[in-house]
Amino acid sequence: MALGKITAIVLIVQDLNKVMTFYRDVLGLPQTFNDDVSFGFKLGDQDLVVLQHSAAIEMTGEPAISLTAGVNHTSMPCINCDDIDATYNELTAKGLNFVKPPKSQAWGRRTAYFADPEGHLWELYQELPAK
């Protein structure tokens, strides 16, 4: 068996319109589709889907969704960018409050962290030149 690359991220949300507005208007992601229970966006060569909680239950069943009920989010998608400081300034000007501003890390990246309206944590990063 050979698994391919991850081609989509699906975030399960309570307030579909609030989260959609965040990804479309604040992050400026191009919207690719929508229906009554989801919105799709393009994130580089991947798809990002925000899916209404009730639809996720219908798709996978209550037990699967209940496994994460009341648990903090345990994944953190990471997005690379060419100039993290410029990206940070642009998103801050749009009203995005970052959890942590850009900081150069010992592991070779300059990172900044933000959360969407429902608390999904994201990392923005820029690769630092090798020393």
Protein backbone atom coordinates (compact mmCIF):
# COMPACT_ATOMS: atom_id res chain seq x y z
CA MET A 1 0.00 0.00 0.00
CA ALA A 2 1.25 3.46 -0.87
CA LEU A 3 -0.41 6.51 0.57
CA GLY A 4 -0.34 9.77 -1.34
CA LYS A 5 0.06 13.28 -0.03
CA ILE A 6 -2.60 15.07 1.98
CA THR A 7 -4.67 17.06 -0.50
CA ALA A 8 -7.31 18.55 1.80
CA ILE A 9 -7.85 19.73 5.34
CA VAL A 10 -11.40 19.63 6.72
CA LEU A 11 -12.19 21.73 9.78
CA ILE A 12 -15.39 20.81 11.62
CA VAL A 13 -17.07 23.97 12.87
CA GLN A 14 -20.14 25.14 14.77
CA ASP A 15 -20.63 28.58 13.17
CA LEU A 16 -20.17 27.91 9.46
CA ASN A 17 -20.72 31.49 8.23
CA LYS A 18 -18.44 33.09 10.82
CA VAL A 19 -15.59 30.72 10.02
CA MET A 20 -16.18 31.03 6.24
CA THR A 21 -15.99 34.82 6.51
CA PHE A 22 -12.69 34.54 8.40
CA TYR A 23 -11.01 32.36 5.77
CA ARG A 24 -12.46 34.32 2.83
CA ASP A 25 -12.21 37.91 4.09
CA VAL A 26 -9.38 37.93 6.63
CA LEU A 27 -7.03 35.34 5.15
CA GLY A 28 -8.17 36.09 1.60
CA LEU A 29 -8.37 32.46 0.50
CA PRO A 30 -10.12 31.92 -2.84
CA GLN A 31 -13.47 30.21 -2.37
CA THR A 32 -13.89 27.16 -4.61
CA PHE A 33 -17.35 25.90 -3.66
CA ASN A 34 -20.12 26.04 -1.12
CA ASP A 35 -23.30 24.20 -0.25
CA ASP A 36 -25.68 24.22 2.71
CA VAL A 37 -23.17 22.60 5.07
CA SER A 38 -19.69 23.51 3.83
CA PHE A 39 -17.40 25.99 2.11
CA GLY A 40 -14.27 25.11 0.16
CA PHE A 41 -11.16 27.20 -0.30
CA LYS A 42 -7.87 26.83 -2.14
CA LEU A 43 -4.77 26.87 0.03
CA GLY A 44 -1.78 26.50 -2.27
CA ASP A 45 -2.27 23.13 -3.97
CA GLN A 46 -4.56 21.86 -1.20
CA ASP A 47 -8.22 22.23 -0.46
CA LEU A 48 -9.42 23.62 2.85
CA VAL A 49 -13.01 22.76 3.72
CA VAL A 50 -15.00 24.13 6.63
CA LEU A 51 -17.76 21.66 7.42
CA GLN A 52 -20.79 22.19 9.64
CA HIS A 53 -20.62 20.02 12.77
CA SER A 54 -24.03 18.44 12.11
CA ALA A 55 -22.91 17.37 8.62
CA ALA A 56 -19.77 15.78 10.06
CA ILE A 57 -21.95 13.74 12.41
CA GLU A 58 -24.10 12.67 9.47
CA MET A 59 -21.00 11.65 7.49
CA THR A 60 -19.09 9.78 10.19
CA GLY A 61 -21.59 9.06 12.94
CA GLU A 62 -22.00 10.55 16.38
CA PRO A 63 -19.40 8.29 18.08
CA ALA A 64 -16.58 9.45 15.78
CA ILE A 65 -17.36 13.14 16.31
CA SER A 66 -17.96 12.67 20.04
CA LEU A 67 -14.42 11.37 20.43
CA THR A 68 -13.19 14.95 20.12
CA ALA A 69 -15.99 16.65 22.07
CA GLY A 70 -14.58 18.94 24.74
CA VAL A 71 -11.00 18.21 23.69
CA ASN A 72 -8.67 20.98 22.63
CA HIS A 73 -7.74 20.94 18.97
CA THR A 74 -4.90 18.50 18.50
CA SER A 75 -3.67 19.40 15.05
CA MET A 76 -2.04 22.54 13.73
CA PRO A 77 -1.83 23.08 9.96
CA CYS A 78 1.27 25.01 8.90
CA ILE A 79 1.41 27.43 5.97
CA ASN A 80 4.65 28.66 4.47
CA CYS A 81 5.03 32.20 3.17
CA ASP A 82 7.81 34.16 1.48
CA ASP A 83 7.88 37.08 3.94
CA ILE A 84 6.31 36.28 7.29
CA ASP A 85 6.68 39.79 8.66
CA ALA A 86 4.86 41.34 5.70
CA THR A 87 2.17 38.65 5.89
CA TYR A 88 1.82 39.24 9.64
CA ASN A 89 1.46 43.01 9.11
CA GLU A 90 -1.10 42.54 6.31
CA LEU A 91 -3.24 40.13 8.36
CA THR A 92 -2.95 42.24 11.51
CA ALA A 93 -4.21 45.24 9.50
CA LYS A 94 -7.26 43.12 8.55
CA GLY A 95 -8.00 42.61 12.24
CA LEU A 96 -6.42 39.20 12.83
CA ASN A 97 -5.14 38.92 16.40
CA PHE A 98 -2.18 36.57 16.47
CA VAL A 99 -1.54 34.22 19.37
CA LYS A 100 2.19 34.80 18.89
CA PRO A 101 3.88 37.34 16.57
CA PRO A 102 6.73 36.31 14.25
CA LYS A 103 9.74 34.85 16.03
CA SER A 104 12.86 33.16 14.68
CA GLN A 105 13.04 29.59 15.99
CA ALA A 106 16.07 27.41 16.63
CA TRP A 107 14.74 24.79 14.19
CA GLY A 108 15.26 27.10 11.20
CA ARG A 109 11.92 28.79 10.75
CA ARG A 110 10.45 32.16 11.58
CA THR A 111 6.95 31.41 12.90
CA ALA A 112 3.77 33.18 13.94
CA TYR A 113 0.57 31.62 15.30
CA PHE A 114 -3.10 32.51 15.02
CA ALA A 115 -6.44 30.88 15.71
CA ASP A 116 -9.61 31.02 13.63
CA PRO A 117 -12.92 32.07 15.22
CA GLU A 118 -13.48 28.57 16.63
CA GLY A 119 -9.98 28.10 18.00
CA HIS A 120 -8.32 26.06 15.24
CA LEU A 121 -4.64 26.90 15.67
CA TRP A 122 -2.51 27.66 12.59
CA GLU A 123 1.20 28.30 12.10
CA LEU A 124 2.55 30.66 9.47
CA TYR A 125 6.23 30.17 8.77
CA GLN A 126 9.12 31.30 6.65
CA GLU A 127 12.20 29.15 6.18
CA LEU A 128 15.30 30.90 7.52
CA PRO A 129 18.56 30.83 5.55
CA ALA A 130 20.90 28.05 6.65
CA LYS A 131 23.71 29.23 8.89
